[in-house]
Amino acid sequence: MYTLITVLIFITCVLLILIVLVQNSKGGGLASNFQSSNQIMGVRKTTDFLEKFTWGLAGALLVLSVLGSAFIPRTAEEVNQSAIQEQIENAVDPNAVPNFPTTVPDQEQPTEETPAE
């Protein structure tokens, strides 16, 4: 269900972008193509339709966003153990003094040899 709502939100966003790009606040845009007086939809009706469609898509986006937040998949493990809590537990203490190794494991330690007589 969450995936379906996410896809619907994506489609709504794309349509909203296209409708807003078609509009022109100074009376141009898609309405400028209907200059002839004998068209079924005149300039004013085109802008009314685009404005209503924009508001409808904005409302649909709002409703789908609220529904999407209600259908976010949650499991008991995710609720008990969050990513932030995991980072806090695995964090290194910045005040800790680093421990440097006292012996080098790859090289042999020098041994005292008795001088040859």
PDB file of N, CA and C in Angstrom:
ATOM      1  N   MET A   1       0.817  -1.192   0.000  1.00  0.00           N
ATOM      2  CA  MET A   1       0.000   0.000   0.000  1.00  0.00           C
ATOM      3  C   MET A   1       0.863   1.259   0.000  1.00  0.00           C
ATOM      4  N   TYR A   2       1.957   1.203   0.783  1.00  0.00           N
ATOM      5  CA  TYR A   2       2.863   2.352   0.853  1.00  0.00           C
ATOM      6  C   TYR A   2       3.494   2.630  -0.508  1.00  0.00           C
ATOM      7  N   THR A   3       3.840   1.580  -1.230  1.00  0.00           N
ATOM      8  CA  THR A   3       4.444   1.750  -2.553  1.00  0.00           C
ATOM      9  C   THR A   3       3.438   2.369  -3.532  1.00  0.00           C
ATOM     10  N   LEU A   4       2.196   1.950  -3.455  1.00  0.00           N
ATOM     11  CA  LEU A   4       1.160   2.510  -4.322  1.00  0.00           C
ATOM     12  C   LEU A   4       0.974   4.004  -4.042  1.00  0.00           C
ATOM     13  N   ILE A   5       0.922   4.366  -2.775  1.00  0.00           N
ATOM     14  CA  ILE A   5       0.753   5.779  -2.420  1.00  0.00           C
ATOM     15  C   ILE A   5       1.965   6.592  -2.858  1.00  0.00           C
ATOM     16  N   THR A   6       3.160   6.018  -2.734  1.00  0.00           N
ATOM     17  CA  THR A   6       4.373   6.712  -3.169  1.00  0.00           C
ATOM     18  C   THR A   6       4.351   6.952  -4.681  1.00  0.00           C
ATOM     19  N   VAL A   7       3.907   5.974  -5.438  1.00  0.00           N
ATOM     20  CA  VAL A   7       3.813   6.131  -6.899  1.00  0.00           C
ATOM     21  C   VAL A   7       2.769   7.189  -7.247  1.00  0.00           C
ATOM     22  N   LEU A   8       1.637   7.188  -6.547  1.00  0.00           N
ATOM     23  CA  LEU A   8       0.608   8.203  -6.794  1.00  0.00           C
ATOM     24  C   LEU A   8       1.121   9.609  -6.440  1.00  0.00           C
ATOM     25  N   ILE A   9       1.899   9.728  -5.385  1.00  0.00           N
ATOM     26  CA  ILE A   9       2.490  11.025  -5.028  1.00  0.00           C
ATOM     27  C   ILE A   9       3.435  11.487  -6.131  1.00  0.00           C
ATOM     28  N   PHE A  10       4.231  10.582  -6.649  1.00  0.00           N
ATOM     29  CA  PHE A  10       5.168  10.923  -7.724  1.00  0.00           C
ATOM     30  C   PHE A  10       4.425  11.390  -8.980  1.00  0.00           C
ATOM     31  N   ILE A  11       3.376  10.672  -9.353  1.00  0.00           N
ATOM     32  CA  ILE A  11       2.591  11.051 -10.533  1.00  0.00           C
ATOM     33  C   ILE A  11       1.930  12.414 -10.318  1.00  0.00           C
ATOM     34  N   THR A  12       1.394  12.630  -9.122  1.00  0.00           N
ATOM     35  CA  THR A  12       0.767  13.916  -8.806  1.00  0.00           C
ATOM     36  C   THR A  12       1.773  15.055  -8.892  1.00  0.00           C
ATOM     37  N   CYS A  13       2.970  14.822  -8.395  1.00  0.00           N
ATOM     38  CA  CYS A  13       4.009  15.860  -8.457  1.00  0.00           C
ATOM     39  C   CYS A  13       4.383  16.199  -9.891  1.00  0.00           C
ATOM     40  N   VAL A  14       4.528  15.188 -10.731  1.00  0.00           N
ATOM     41  CA  VAL A  14       4.879  15.427 -12.135  1.00  0.00           C
ATOM     42  C   VAL A  14       3.762  16.203 -12.831  1.00  0.00           C
ATOM     43  N   LEU A  15       2.512  15.803 -12.600  1.00  0.00           N
ATOM     44  CA  LEU A  15       1.386  16.525 -13.204  1.00  0.00           C
ATOM     45  C   LEU A  15       1.305  17.961 -12.698  1.00  0.00           C
ATOM     46  N   LEU A  16       1.566  18.164 -11.424  1.00  0.00           N
ATOM     47  CA  LEU A  16       1.526  19.510 -10.864  1.00  0.00           C
ATOM     48  C   LEU A  16       2.616  20.389 -11.469  1.00  0.00           C
ATOM     49  N   ILE A  17       3.786  19.825 -11.672  1.00  0.00           N
ATOM     50  CA  ILE A  17       4.877  20.573 -12.311  1.00  0.00           C
ATOM     51  C   ILE A  17       4.487  20.964 -13.734  1.00  0.00           C
ATOM     52  N   LEU A  18       3.918  20.015 -14.481  1.00  0.00           N
ATOM     53  CA  LEU A  18       3.542  20.306 -15.861  1.00  0.00           C
ATOM     54  C   LEU A  18       2.435  21.362 -15.935  1.00  0.00           C
ATOM     55  N   ILE A  19       1.455  21.277 -15.057  1.00  0.00           N
ATOM     56  CA  ILE A  19       0.356  22.251 -15.075  1.00  0.00           C
ATOM     57  C   ILE A  19       0.855  23.645 -14.713  1.00  0.00           C
ATOM     58  N   VAL A  20       1.744  23.721 -13.741  1.00  0.00           N
ATOM     59  CA  VAL A  20       2.280  25.029 -13.352  1.00  0.00           C
ATOM     60  C   VAL A  20       3.135  25.609 -14.476  1.00  0.00           C
ATOM     61  N   LEU A  21       3.881  24.776 -15.176  1.00  0.00           N
ATOM     62  CA  LEU A  21       4.692  25.276 -16.286  1.00  0.00           C
ATOM     63  C   LEU A  21       3.836  25.743 -17.460  1.00  0.00           C
ATOM     64  N   VAL A  22       2.665  25.137 -17.657  1.00  0.00           N
ATOM     65  CA  VAL A  22       1.782  25.535 -18.751  1.00  0.00           C
ATOM     66  C   VAL A  22       1.181  26.909 -18.469  1.00  0.00           C
ATOM     67  N   GLN A  23       0.937  27.183 -17.196  1.00  0.00           N
ATOM     68  CA  GLN A  23       0.306  28.459 -16.840  1.00  0.00           C
ATOM     69  C   GLN A  23       1.283  29.611 -16.999  1.00  0.00           C
ATOM     70  N   ASN A  24       0.737  30.777 -17.255  1.00  0.00           N
ATOM     71  CA  ASN A  24       1.518  31.995 -17.293  1.00  0.00           C
ATOM     72  C   ASN A  24       0.720  33.053 -16.555  1.00  0.00           C
ATOM     73  N   SER A  25       1.316  33.693 -15.598  1.00  0.00           N
ATOM     74  CA  SER A  25       0.570  34.621 -14.756  1.00  0.00           C
ATOM     75  C   SER A  25       0.109  35.867 -15.507  1.00  0.00           C
ATOM     76  N   LYS A  26       0.669  36.133 -16.676  1.00  0.00           N
ATOM     77  CA  LYS A  26       0.291  37.340 -17.423  1.00  0.00           C
ATOM     78  C   LYS A  26      -0.683  37.035 -18.550  1.00  0.00           C
ATOM     79  N   GLY A  27      -1.365  35.921 -18.489  1.00  0.00           N
ATOM     80  CA  GLY A  27      -2.376  35.612 -19.497  1.00  0.00           C
ATOM     81  C   GLY A  27      -1.843  34.821 -20.674  1.00  0.00           C
ATOM     82  N   GLY A  28      -0.590  34.410 -20.666  1.00  0.00           N
ATOM     83  CA  GLY A  28      -0.033  33.628 -21.765  1.00  0.00           C
ATOM     84  C   GLY A  28      -0.195  32.143 -21.483  1.00  0.00           C
ATOM     85  N   GLY A  29       0.808  31.390 -21.770  1.00  0.00           N
ATOM     86  CA  GLY A  29       0.786  29.954 -21.510  1.00  0.00           C
ATOM     87  C   GLY A  29      -0.120  29.240 -22.481  1.00  0.00           C
ATOM     88  N   LEU A  30      -0.839  28.249 -21.987  1.00  0.00           N
ATOM     89  CA  LEU A  30      -1.744  27.480 -22.827  1.00  0.00           C
ATOM     90  C   LEU A  30      -2.899  28.346 -23.318  1.00  0.00           C
ATOM     91  N   ALA A  31      -3.300  29.319 -22.530  1.00  0.00           N
ATOM     92  CA  ALA A  31      -4.418  30.184 -22.908  1.00  0.00           C
ATOM     93  C   ALA A  31      -4.085  31.023 -24.142  1.00  0.00           C
ATOM     94  N   SER A  32      -2.830  31.285 -24.415  1.00  0.00           N
ATOM     95  CA  SER A  32      -2.467  32.103 -25.573  1.00  0.00           C
ATOM     96  C   SER A  32      -2.701  31.378 -26.886  1.00  0.00           C
ATOM     97  N   ASN A  33      -2.843  30.068 -26.866  1.00  0.00           N
ATOM     98  CA  ASN A  33      -3.103  29.307 -28.081  1.00  0.00           C
ATOM     99  C   ASN A  33      -4.550  29.434 -28.527  1.00  0.00           C
ATOM    100  N   PHE A  34      -5.454  29.891 -27.660  1.00  0.00           N
ATOM    101  CA  PHE A  34      -6.866  29.988 -27.983  1.00  0.00           C
ATOM    102  C   PHE A  34      -7.231  31.439 -28.304  1.00  0.00           C
ATOM    103  N   GLN A  35      -6.650  31.986 -29.337  1.00  0.00           N
ATOM    104  CA  GLN A  35      -6.889  33.374 -29.718  1.00  0.00           C
ATOM    105  C   GLN A  35      -8.150  33.541 -30.555  1.00  0.00           C
ATOM    106  N   SER A  36      -8.568  32.481 -31.203  1.00  0.00           N
ATOM    107  CA  SER A  36      -9.734  32.591 -32.078  1.00  0.00           C
ATOM    108  C   SER A  36     -10.999  32.776 -31.242  1.00  0.00           C
ATOM    109  N   SER A  37     -11.943  33.545 -31.769  1.00  0.00           N
ATOM    110  CA  SER A  37     -13.153  33.845 -31.013  1.00  0.00           C
ATOM    111  C   SER A  37     -14.176  32.714 -31.068  1.00  0.00           C
ATOM    112  N   ASN A  38     -14.061  31.790 -32.007  1.00  0.00           N
ATOM    113  CA  ASN A  38     -15.065  30.748 -32.126  1.00  0.00           C
ATOM    114  C   ASN A  38     -14.600  29.417 -31.515  1.00  0.00           C
ATOM    115  N   GLN A  39     -13.728  29.458 -30.568  1.00  0.00           N
ATOM    116  CA  GLN A  39     -13.296  28.249 -29.870  1.00  0.00           C
ATOM    117  C   GLN A  39     -14.325  27.880 -28.811  1.00  0.00           C
ATOM    118  N   ILE A  40     -14.394  26.606 -28.495  1.00  0.00           N
ATOM    119  CA  ILE A  40     -15.337  26.149 -27.462  1.00  0.00           C
ATOM    120  C   ILE A  40     -14.893  26.654 -26.091  1.00  0.00           C
ATOM    121  N   MET A  41     -13.614  26.494 -25.797  1.00  0.00           N
ATOM    122  CA  MET A  41     -13.075  27.002 -24.543  1.00  0.00           C
ATOM    123  C   MET A  41     -12.359  28.296 -24.839  1.00  0.00           C
ATOM    124  N   GLY A  42     -12.784  29.351 -24.266  1.00  0.00           N
ATOM    125  CA  GLY A  42     -12.130  30.627 -24.488  1.00  0.00           C
ATOM    126  C   GLY A  42     -10.925  30.768 -23.582  1.00  0.00           C
ATOM    127  N   VAL A  43     -10.276  31.920 -23.630  1.00  0.00           N
ATOM    128  CA  VAL A  43      -9.085  32.171 -22.835  1.00  0.00           C
ATOM    129  C   VAL A  43      -9.412  32.130 -21.351  1.00  0.00           C
ATOM    130  N   ARG A  44     -10.498  32.733 -20.968  1.00  0.00           N
ATOM    131  CA  ARG A  44     -10.857  32.810 -19.547  1.00  0.00           C
ATOM    132  C   ARG A  44     -11.175  31.434 -18.983  1.00  0.00           C
ATOM    133  N   LYS A  45     -11.898  30.616 -19.758  1.00  0.00           N
ATOM    134  CA  LYS A  45     -12.250  29.285 -19.272  1.00  0.00           C
ATOM    135  C   LYS A  45     -11.033  28.382 -19.168  1.00  0.00           C
ATOM    136  N   THR A  46     -10.046  28.574 -20.030  1.00  0.00           N
ATOM    137  CA  THR A  46      -8.830  27.773 -19.956  1.00  0.00           C
ATOM    138  C   THR A  46      -8.062  28.080 -18.678  1.00  0.00           C
ATOM    139  N   THR A  47      -7.948  29.358 -18.356  1.00  0.00           N
ATOM    140  CA  THR A  47      -7.224  29.699 -17.129  1.00  0.00           C
ATOM    141  C   THR A  47      -7.998  29.259 -15.899  1.00  0.00           C
ATOM    142  N   ASP A  48      -9.324  29.312 -15.932  1.00  0.00           N
ATOM    143  CA  ASP A  48     -10.122  28.809 -14.806  1.00  0.00           C
ATOM    144  C   ASP A  48      -9.892  27.319 -14.619  1.00  0.00           C
ATOM    145  N   PHE A  49      -9.915  26.577 -15.735  1.00  0.00           N
ATOM    146  CA  PHE A  49      -9.695  25.128 -15.659  1.00  0.00           C
ATOM    147  C   PHE A  49      -8.309  24.818 -15.105  1.00  0.00           C
ATOM    148  N   LEU A  50      -7.274  25.497 -15.600  1.00  0.00           N
ATOM    149  CA  LEU A  50      -5.918  25.229 -15.135  1.00  0.00           C
ATOM    150  C   LEU A  50      -5.757  25.586 -13.667  1.00  0.00           C
ATOM    151  N   GLU A  51      -6.384  26.659 -13.236  1.00  0.00           N
ATOM    152  CA  GLU A  51      -6.284  27.044 -11.832  1.00  0.00           C
ATOM    153  C   GLU A  51      -6.999  26.025 -10.939  1.00  0.00           C
ATOM    154  N   LYS A  52      -8.159  25.572 -11.333  1.00  0.00           N
ATOM    155  CA  LYS A  52      -8.890  24.568 -10.548  1.00  0.00           C
ATOM    156  C   LYS A  52      -8.144  23.235 -10.526  1.00  0.00           C
ATOM    157  N   PHE A  53      -7.569  22.885 -11.658  1.00  0.00           N
ATOM    158  CA  PHE A  53      -6.809  21.633 -11.725  1.00  0.00           C
ATOM    159  C   PHE A  53      -5.561  21.719 -10.849  1.00  0.00           C
ATOM    160  N   THR A  54      -4.911  22.885 -10.801  1.00  0.00           N
ATOM    161  CA  THR A  54      -3.738  23.076  -9.952  1.00  0.00           C
ATOM    162  C   THR A  54      -4.115  22.928  -8.484  1.00  0.00           C
ATOM    163  N   TRP A  55      -5.216  23.566  -8.074  1.00  0.00           N
ATOM    164  CA  TRP A  55      -5.659  23.446  -6.687  1.00  0.00           C
ATOM    165  C   TRP A  55      -6.055  22.008  -6.358  1.00  0.00           C
ATOM    166  N   GLY A  56      -6.684  21.327  -7.304  1.00  0.00           N
ATOM    167  CA  GLY A  56      -7.057  19.926  -7.091  1.00  0.00           C
ATOM    168  C   GLY A  56      -5.840  19.035  -6.907  1.00  0.00           C
ATOM    169  N   LEU A  57      -4.820  19.240  -7.735  1.00  0.00           N
ATOM    170  CA  LEU A  57      -3.596  18.448  -7.602  1.00  0.00           C
ATOM    171  C   LEU A  57      -2.863  18.763  -6.294  1.00  0.00           C
ATOM    172  N   ALA A  58      -2.877  20.029  -5.901  1.00  0.00           N
ATOM    173  CA  ALA A  58      -2.233  20.391  -4.630  1.00  0.00           C
ATOM    174  C   ALA A  58      -2.957  19.733  -3.461  1.00  0.00           C
ATOM    175  N   GLY A  59      -4.278  19.707  -3.499  1.00  0.00           N
ATOM    176  CA  GLY A  59      -5.042  19.032  -2.450  1.00  0.00           C
ATOM    177  C   GLY A  59      -4.804  17.537  -2.448  1.00  0.00           C
ATOM    178  N   ALA A  60      -4.751  16.946  -3.639  1.00  0.00           N
ATOM    179  CA  ALA A  60      -4.479  15.508  -3.739  1.00  0.00           C
ATOM    180  C   ALA A  60      -3.094  15.178  -3.198  1.00  0.00           C
ATOM    181  N   LEU A  61      -2.119  16.044  -3.472  1.00  0.00           N
ATOM    182  CA  LEU A  61      -0.772  15.828  -2.956  1.00  0.00           C
ATOM    183  C   LEU A  61      -0.756  15.891  -1.434  1.00  0.00           C
ATOM    184  N   LEU A  62      -1.492  16.814  -0.866  1.00  0.00           N
ATOM    185  CA  LEU A  62      -1.580  16.928   0.588  1.00  0.00           C
ATOM    186  C   LEU A  62      -2.209  15.678   1.202  1.00  0.00           C
ATOM    187  N   VAL A  63      -3.321  15.229   0.630  1.00  0.00           N
ATOM    188  CA  VAL A  63      -4.008  14.048   1.157  1.00  0.00           C
ATOM    189  C   VAL A  63      -3.136  12.803   1.009  1.00  0.00           C
ATOM    190  N   LEU A  64      -2.499  12.643  -0.143  1.00  0.00           N
ATOM    191  CA  LEU A  64      -1.637  11.473  -0.358  1.00  0.00           C
ATOM    192  C   LEU A  64      -0.424  11.487   0.562  1.00  0.00           C
ATOM    193  N   SER A  65       0.089  12.653   0.864  1.00  0.00           N
ATOM    194  CA  SER A  65       1.232  12.738   1.778  1.00  0.00           C
ATOM    195  C   SER A  65       0.841  12.308   3.189  1.00  0.00           C
ATOM    196  N   VAL A  66      -0.338  12.745   3.641  1.00  0.00           N
ATOM    197  CA  VAL A  66      -0.809  12.330   4.975  1.00  0.00           C
ATOM    198  C   VAL A  66      -1.085  10.830   4.998  1.00  0.00           C
ATOM    199  N   LEU A  67      -1.703  10.305   3.948  1.00  0.00           N
ATOM    200  CA  LEU A  67      -1.944   8.862   3.868  1.00  0.00           C
ATOM    201  C   LEU A  67      -0.632   8.081   3.805  1.00  0.00           C
ATOM    202  N   GLY A  68       0.330   8.618   3.072  1.00  0.00           N
ATOM    203  CA  GLY A  68       1.626   7.943   2.972  1.00  0.00           C
ATOM    204  C   GLY A  68       2.323   7.856   4.315  1.00  0.00           C
ATOM    205  N   SER A  69       2.211   8.900   5.114  1.00  0.00           N
ATOM    206  CA  SER A  69       2.846   8.849   6.433  1.00  0.00           C
ATOM    207  C   SER A  69       2.133   7.862   7.358  1.00  0.00           C
ATOM    208  N   ALA A  70       0.849   7.619   7.129  1.00  0.00           N
ATOM    209  CA  ALA A  70       0.118   6.652   7.943  1.00  0.00           C
ATOM    210  C   ALA A  70       0.471   5.212   7.569  1.00  0.00           C
ATOM    211  N   PHE A  71       0.872   4.993   6.319  1.00  0.00           N
ATOM    212  CA  PHE A  71       1.155   3.638   5.855  1.00  0.00           C
ATOM    213  C   PHE A  71       2.645   3.308   5.787  1.00  0.00           C
ATOM    214  N   ILE A  72       3.490   4.081   6.449  1.00  0.00           N
ATOM    215  CA  ILE A  72       4.924   3.769   6.461  1.00  0.00           C
ATOM    216  C   ILE A  72       5.119   2.431   7.166  1.00  0.00           C
ATOM    217  N   PRO A  73       5.832   1.500   6.536  1.00  0.00           N
ATOM    218  CA  PRO A  73       6.015   0.187   7.180  1.00  0.00           C
ATOM    219  C   PRO A  73       6.891   0.313   8.424  1.00  0.00           C
ATOM    220  N   ARG A  74       6.379  -0.208   9.515  1.00  0.00           N
ATOM    221  CA  ARG A  74       7.117  -0.191  10.771  1.00  0.00           C
ATOM    222  C   ARG A  74       7.160  -1.614  11.325  1.00  0.00           C
ATOM    223  N   THR A  75       8.319  -1.992  11.857  1.00  0.00           N
ATOM    224  CA  THR A  75       8.447  -3.282  12.516  1.00  0.00           C
ATOM    225  C   THR A  75       8.870  -3.046  13.955  1.00  0.00           C
ATOM    226  N   ALA A  76       8.731  -4.053  14.782  1.00  0.00           N
ATOM    227  CA  ALA A  76       9.090  -3.917  16.200  1.00  0.00           C
ATOM    228  C   ALA A  76      10.587  -3.693  16.362  1.00  0.00           C
ATOM    229  N   GLU A  77      11.393  -4.297  15.503  1.00  0.00           N
ATOM    230  CA  GLU A  77      12.843  -4.141  15.588  1.00  0.00           C
ATOM    231  C   GLU A  77      13.272  -2.712  15.288  1.00  0.00           C
ATOM    232  N   GLU A  78      12.649  -2.088  14.308  1.00  0.00           N
ATOM    233  CA  GLU A  78      12.992  -0.714  13.947  1.00  0.00           C
ATOM    234  C   GLU A  78      12.598   0.264  15.051  1.00  0.00           C
ATOM    235  N   VAL A  79      11.495  -0.014  15.738  1.00  0.00           N
ATOM    236  CA  VAL A  79      11.044   0.878  16.791  1.00  0.00           C
ATOM    237  C   VAL A  79      11.989   0.794  17.983  1.00  0.00           C
ATOM    238  N   ASN A  80      12.433  -0.422  18.336  1.00  0.00           N
ATOM    239  CA  ASN A  80      13.307  -0.601  19.496  1.00  0.00           C
ATOM    240  C   ASN A  80      14.734  -0.150  19.224  1.00  0.00           C
ATOM    241  N   GLN A  81      15.227  -0.360  18.042  1.00  0.00           N
ATOM    242  CA  GLN A  81      16.621  -0.080  17.725  1.00  0.00           C
ATOM    243  C   GLN A  81      16.665   0.872  16.539  1.00  0.00           C
ATOM    244  N   SER A  82      16.924   2.120  16.769  1.00  0.00           N
ATOM    245  CA  SER A  82      17.004   3.079  15.680  1.00  0.00           C
ATOM    246  C   SER A  82      18.447   3.227  15.221  1.00  0.00           C
ATOM    247  N   ALA A  83      18.619   3.836  14.075  1.00  0.00           N
ATOM    248  CA  ALA A  83      19.964   4.029  13.522  1.00  0.00           C
ATOM    249  C   ALA A  83      20.764   5.013  14.370  1.00  0.00           C
ATOM    250  N   ILE A  84      20.094   5.991  14.936  1.00  0.00           N
ATOM    251  CA  ILE A  84      20.805   6.966  15.765  1.00  0.00           C
ATOM    252  C   ILE A  84      21.312   6.302  17.043  1.00  0.00           C
ATOM    253  N   GLN A  85      20.476   5.467  17.643  1.00  0.00           N
ATOM    254  CA  GLN A  85      20.897   4.765  18.859  1.00  0.00           C
ATOM    255  C   GLN A  85      22.076   3.850  18.563  1.00  0.00           C
ATOM    256  N   GLU A  86      22.080   3.216  17.417  1.00  0.00           N
ATOM    257  CA  GLU A  86      23.194   2.338  17.032  1.00  0.00           C
ATOM    258  C   GLU A  86      24.486   3.139  16.863  1.00  0.00           C
ATOM    259  N   GLN A  87      24.393   4.330  16.280  1.00  0.00           N
ATOM    260  CA  GLN A  87      25.577   5.169  16.135  1.00  0.00           C
ATOM    261  C   GLN A  87      26.097   5.633  17.490  1.00  0.00           C
ATOM    262  N   ILE A  88      25.193   5.932  18.409  1.00  0.00           N
ATOM    263  CA  ILE A  88      25.618   6.357  19.743  1.00  0.00           C
ATOM    264  C   ILE A  88      26.361   5.234  20.454  1.00  0.00           C
ATOM    265  N   GLU A  89      25.864   4.016  20.328  1.00  0.00           N
ATOM    266  CA  GLU A  89      26.508   2.885  20.991  1.00  0.00           C
ATOM    267  C   GLU A  89      27.868   2.567  20.381  1.00  0.00           C
ATOM    268  N   ASN A  90      28.038   2.772  19.084  1.00  0.00           N
ATOM    269  CA  ASN A  90      29.297   2.444  18.421  1.00  0.00           C
ATOM    270  C   ASN A  90      30.272   3.616  18.356  1.00  0.00           C
ATOM    271  N   ALA A  91      29.927   4.731  18.971  1.00  0.00           N
ATOM    272  CA  ALA A  91      30.779   5.921  18.904  1.00  0.00           C
ATOM    273  C   ALA A  91      32.033   5.715  19.748  1.00  0.00           C
ATOM    274  N   VAL A  92      33.132   6.311  19.284  1.00  0.00           N
ATOM    275  CA  VAL A  92      34.406   6.239  20.000  1.00  0.00           C
ATOM    276  C   VAL A  92      34.476   7.432  20.944  1.00  0.00           C
ATOM    277  N   ASP A  93      34.948   7.177  22.163  1.00  0.00           N
ATOM    278  CA  ASP A  93      35.059   8.250  23.154  1.00  0.00           C
ATOM    279  C   ASP A  93      36.185   9.185  22.737  1.00  0.00           C
ATOM    280  N   PRO A  94      35.895  10.464  22.485  1.00  0.00           N
ATOM    281  CA  PRO A  94      36.944  11.380  22.034  1.00  0.00           C
ATOM    282  C   PRO A  94      37.945  11.734  23.134  1.00  0.00           C
ATOM    283  N   ASN A  95      37.595  11.499  24.397  1.00  0.00           N
ATOM    284  CA  ASN A  95      38.505  11.812  25.505  1.00  0.00           C
ATOM    285  C   ASN A  95      39.422  10.650  25.855  1.00  0.00           C
ATOM    286  N   ALA A  96      39.200   9.505  25.247  1.00  0.00           N
ATOM    287  CA  ALA A  96      40.019   8.333  25.556  1.00  0.00           C
ATOM    288  C   ALA A  96      41.413   8.507  24.975  1.00  0.00           C
ATOM    289  N   VAL A  97      42.411   8.071  25.748  1.00  0.00           N
ATOM    290  CA  VAL A  97      43.802   8.134  25.298  1.00  0.00           C
ATOM    291  C   VAL A  97      44.062   6.903  24.445  1.00  0.00           C
ATOM    292  N   PRO A  98      44.612   7.095  23.259  1.00  0.00           N
ATOM    293  CA  PRO A  98      44.861   5.920  22.409  1.00  0.00           C
ATOM    294  C   PRO A  98      45.964   5.052  22.997  1.00  0.00           C
ATOM    295  N   ASN A  99      45.818   3.762  22.847  1.00  0.00           N
ATOM    296  CA  ASN A  99      46.819   2.802  23.321  1.00  0.00           C
ATOM    297  C   ASN A  99      47.698   2.400  22.157  1.00  0.00           C
ATOM    298  N   PHE A 100      48.955   2.749  22.265  1.00  0.00           N
ATOM    299  CA  PHE A 100      49.895   2.367  21.228  1.00  0.00           C
ATOM    300  C   PHE A 100      50.532   1.043  21.612  1.00  0.00           C
ATOM    301  N   PRO A 101      50.786   0.180  20.656  1.00  0.00           N
ATOM    302  CA  PRO A 101      51.397  -1.122  20.986  1.00  0.00           C
ATOM    303  C   PRO A 101      52.833  -0.915  21.451  1.00  0.00           C
ATOM    304  N   THR A 102      53.221  -1.681  22.463  1.00  0.00           N
ATOM    305  CA  THR A 102      54.589  -1.568  22.995  1.00  0.00           C
ATOM    306  C   THR A 102      55.545  -2.483  22.259  1.00  0.00           C
ATOM    307  N   THR A 103      55.045  -3.521  21.648  1.00  0.00           N
ATOM    308  CA  THR A 103      55.909  -4.423  20.878  1.00  0.00           C
ATOM    309  C   THR A 103      55.431  -4.454  19.446  1.00  0.00           C
ATOM    310  N   VAL A 104      56.364  -4.690  18.569  1.00  0.00           N
ATOM    311  CA  VAL A 104      56.033  -4.796  17.158  1.00  0.00           C
ATOM    312  C   VAL A 104      55.892  -6.274  16.848  1.00  0.00           C
ATOM    313  N   PRO A 105      54.733  -6.741  16.458  1.00  0.00           N
ATOM    314  CA  PRO A 105      54.538  -8.179  16.269  1.00  0.00           C
ATOM    315  C   PRO A 105      55.236  -8.741  15.040  1.00  0.00           C
ATOM    316  N   ASP A 106      55.523  -7.923  14.027  1.00  0.00           N
ATOM    317  CA  ASP A 106      56.113  -8.455  12.800  1.00  0.00           C
ATOM    318  C   ASP A 106      57.621  -8.658  12.913  1.00  0.00           C
ATOM    319  N   GLN A 107      58.283  -7.928  13.778  1.00  0.00           N
ATOM    320  CA  GLN A 107      59.738  -8.020  13.890  1.00  0.00           C
ATOM    321  C   GLN A 107      60.095  -8.764  15.164  1.00  0.00           C
ATOM    322  N   GLU A 108      61.254  -9.401  15.099  1.00  0.00           N
ATOM    323  CA  GLU A 108      61.723 -10.121  16.283  1.00  0.00           C
ATOM    324  C   GLU A 108      62.372  -9.148  17.246  1.00  0.00           C
ATOM    325  N   GLN A 109      62.225  -9.436  18.499  1.00  0.00           N
ATOM    326  CA  GLN A 109      62.836  -8.599  19.519  1.00  0.00           C
ATOM    327  C   GLN A 109      64.341  -8.900  19.559  1.00  0.00           C
ATOM    328  N   PRO A 110      65.157  -7.866  19.749  1.00  0.00           N
ATOM    329  CA  PRO A 110      66.601  -8.136  19.834  1.00  0.00           C
ATOM    330  C   PRO A 110      66.915  -8.920  21.111  1.00  0.00           C
ATOM    331  N   THR A 111      67.798  -9.857  20.941  1.00  0.00           N
ATOM    332  CA  THR A 111      68.209 -10.698  22.090  1.00  0.00           C
ATOM    333  C   THR A 111      69.649 -10.359  22.433  1.00  0.00           C
ATOM    334  N   GLU A 112      69.951 -10.556  23.691  1.00  0.00           N
ATOM    335  CA  GLU A 112      71.334 -10.308  24.113  1.00  0.00           C
ATOM    336  C   GLU A 112      72.160 -11.535  23.789  1.00  0.00           C
ATOM    337  N   GLU A 113      73.199 -11.293  23.080  1.00  0.00           N
ATOM    338  CA  GLU A 113      74.096 -12.405  22.731  1.00  0.00           C
ATOM    339  C   GLU A 113      75.369 -12.272  23.571  1.00  0.00           C
ATOM    340  N   THR A 114      75.879 -13.374  23.915  1.00  0.00           N
ATOM    341  CA  THR A 114      77.145 -13.359  24.648  1.00  0.00           C
ATOM    342  C   THR A 114      78.270 -13.228  23.654  1.00  0.00           C
ATOM    343  N   PRO A 115      79.219 -12.365  23.959  1.00  0.00           N
ATOM    344  CA  PRO A 115      80.339 -12.212  23.008  1.00  0.00           C
ATOM    345  C   PRO A 115      81.139 -13.491  22.871  1.00  0.00           C
ATOM    346  N   ALA A 116      81.564 -13.747  21.686  1.00  0.00           N
ATOM    347  CA  ALA A 116      82.349 -14.960  21.415  1.00  0.00           C
ATOM    348  C   ALA A 116      83.754 -14.794  21.958  1.00  0.00           C
ATOM    349  N   GLU A 117      84.279 -15.837  22.661  1.00  0.00           N
ATOM    350  CA  GLU A 117      85.632 -15.788  23.221  1.00  0.00           C
ATOM    351  C   GLU A 117      86.567 -16.633  22.485  1.00  0.00           C
TER     352      GLU A 117
END
